[in-house]
Protein backbone atom coordinates (compact mmCIF):
# COMPACT_ATOMS: atom_id res chain seq x y z
CA MET A 1 0.00 0.00 0.00
CA LEU A 2 1.33 3.43 -0.94
CA ARG A 3 1.52 6.04 1.78
CA LYS A 4 1.31 9.74 1.26
CA PRO A 5 4.61 11.33 2.30
CA SER A 6 4.52 13.49 5.39
CA PRO A 7 5.23 17.19 4.91
CA PRO A 8 8.63 18.42 6.09
CA VAL A 9 8.70 19.40 9.77
CA ASP A 10 9.09 23.11 8.96
CA THR A 11 6.06 23.01 6.65
CA TYR A 12 4.05 21.20 9.29
CA LYS A 13 4.97 23.80 11.90
CA GLU A 14 3.96 26.58 9.51
CA LEU A 15 0.63 24.90 8.83
CA MET A 16 -0.02 24.45 12.53
CA ASN A 17 0.94 28.06 13.30
CA ASP A 18 -1.40 29.29 10.55
CA ARG A 19 -4.22 27.19 11.96
CA ILE A 20 -3.56 28.43 15.50
CA ASN A 21 -3.63 32.02 14.25
CA GLU A 22 -6.98 31.37 12.53
CA LEU A 23 -8.40 29.95 15.75
CA LEU A 24 -7.11 32.90 17.78
CA GLN A 25 -8.84 35.28 15.38
CA LEU A 26 -12.09 33.41 15.95
CA ILE A 27 -11.67 33.75 19.70
CA GLU A 28 -11.00 37.48 19.38
CA VAL A 29 -14.19 38.20 17.42
CA GLU A 30 -16.40 40.75 19.08
CA PRO A 31 -19.87 39.42 19.88
CA ASP A 32 -21.59 42.39 18.21
CA ALA A 33 -19.56 41.91 15.03
CA LEU A 34 -20.40 38.21 15.01
CA ARG A 35 -24.12 38.96 15.43
CA GLU A 36 -23.98 41.50 12.61
CA ALA A 37 -22.25 39.03 10.29
CA GLU A 38 -24.81 36.35 11.15
CA PHE A 39 -27.64 38.81 10.50
CA ARG A 40 -26.23 39.76 7.07
CA GLN A 41 -25.87 36.08 6.16
CA ALA A 42 -29.45 35.40 7.26
CA GLN A 43 -30.69 38.30 5.12
CA ALA A 44 -28.90 36.88 2.09
CA ILE A 45 -30.39 33.42 2.65
CA LEU A 46 -33.87 34.82 3.20
CA GLY A 47 -33.52 36.69 -0.09
CA THR A 48 -33.14 33.37 -1.90
CA MET A 49 -36.46 32.19 -0.42
CA LEU A 50 -38.59 34.81 -2.20
CA GLY A 51 -41.47 33.17 -4.02
CA LYS A 52 -41.00 29.87 -2.18
CA THR A 53 -43.32 28.33 0.42
CA VAL A 54 -42.34 27.72 4.04
CA THR A 55 -43.86 24.48 5.32
CA ALA A 56 -42.44 24.53 8.85
CA ALA A 57 -40.56 26.77 11.25
CA GLU A 58 -39.02 25.49 14.46
CA VAL A 59 -37.34 27.47 17.22
CA ASP A 60 -34.80 25.43 19.17
CA GLU A 61 -32.59 26.56 22.04
CA THR A 62 -29.70 27.43 19.76
CA ARG A 63 -31.18 27.84 16.28
CA ILE A 64 -34.18 28.49 14.10
CA VAL A 65 -34.97 25.86 11.45
CA ILE A 66 -37.03 26.80 8.38
CA THR A 67 -38.27 23.99 6.12
CA MET A 68 -39.34 24.83 2.57
CA SER A 69 -41.87 23.02 0.37
CA ASP A 70 -39.03 21.58 -1.72
CA GLY A 71 -37.67 19.84 1.41
CA ASN A 72 -34.67 22.13 1.90
CA LYS A 73 -33.97 23.15 5.49
CA TYR A 74 -32.28 26.38 6.47
CA PHE A 75 -30.63 26.82 9.85
CA PHE A 76 -30.20 30.22 11.48
CA TYR A 77 -27.99 30.77 14.50
CA GLY A 78 -27.04 33.78 16.58
CA PHE A 79 -30.42 35.42 17.13
CA LEU A 80 -31.53 33.68 20.28
CA GLY A 81 -30.80 34.96 23.76
CA GLY A 82 -30.86 38.62 22.77
CA SER A 83 -32.88 41.28 24.49
């Protein structure tokens, strides 16, 4: 069986450092900025639903699930728990 060669140690360290930096940026996100980004994404998704029929809407603890007549489900996060 052929095995994929491992990347050189320096390349691996660079990849890991890049990934750690990405994760740190996620941790440093401001809650208001995250909510705003989630809201803009939800607006874009809702725009694609124009002219379609909603067959079900469900509010869970952490998300809102919208089911369309074609069977597609859309999941929205980030709106619950606000004032």
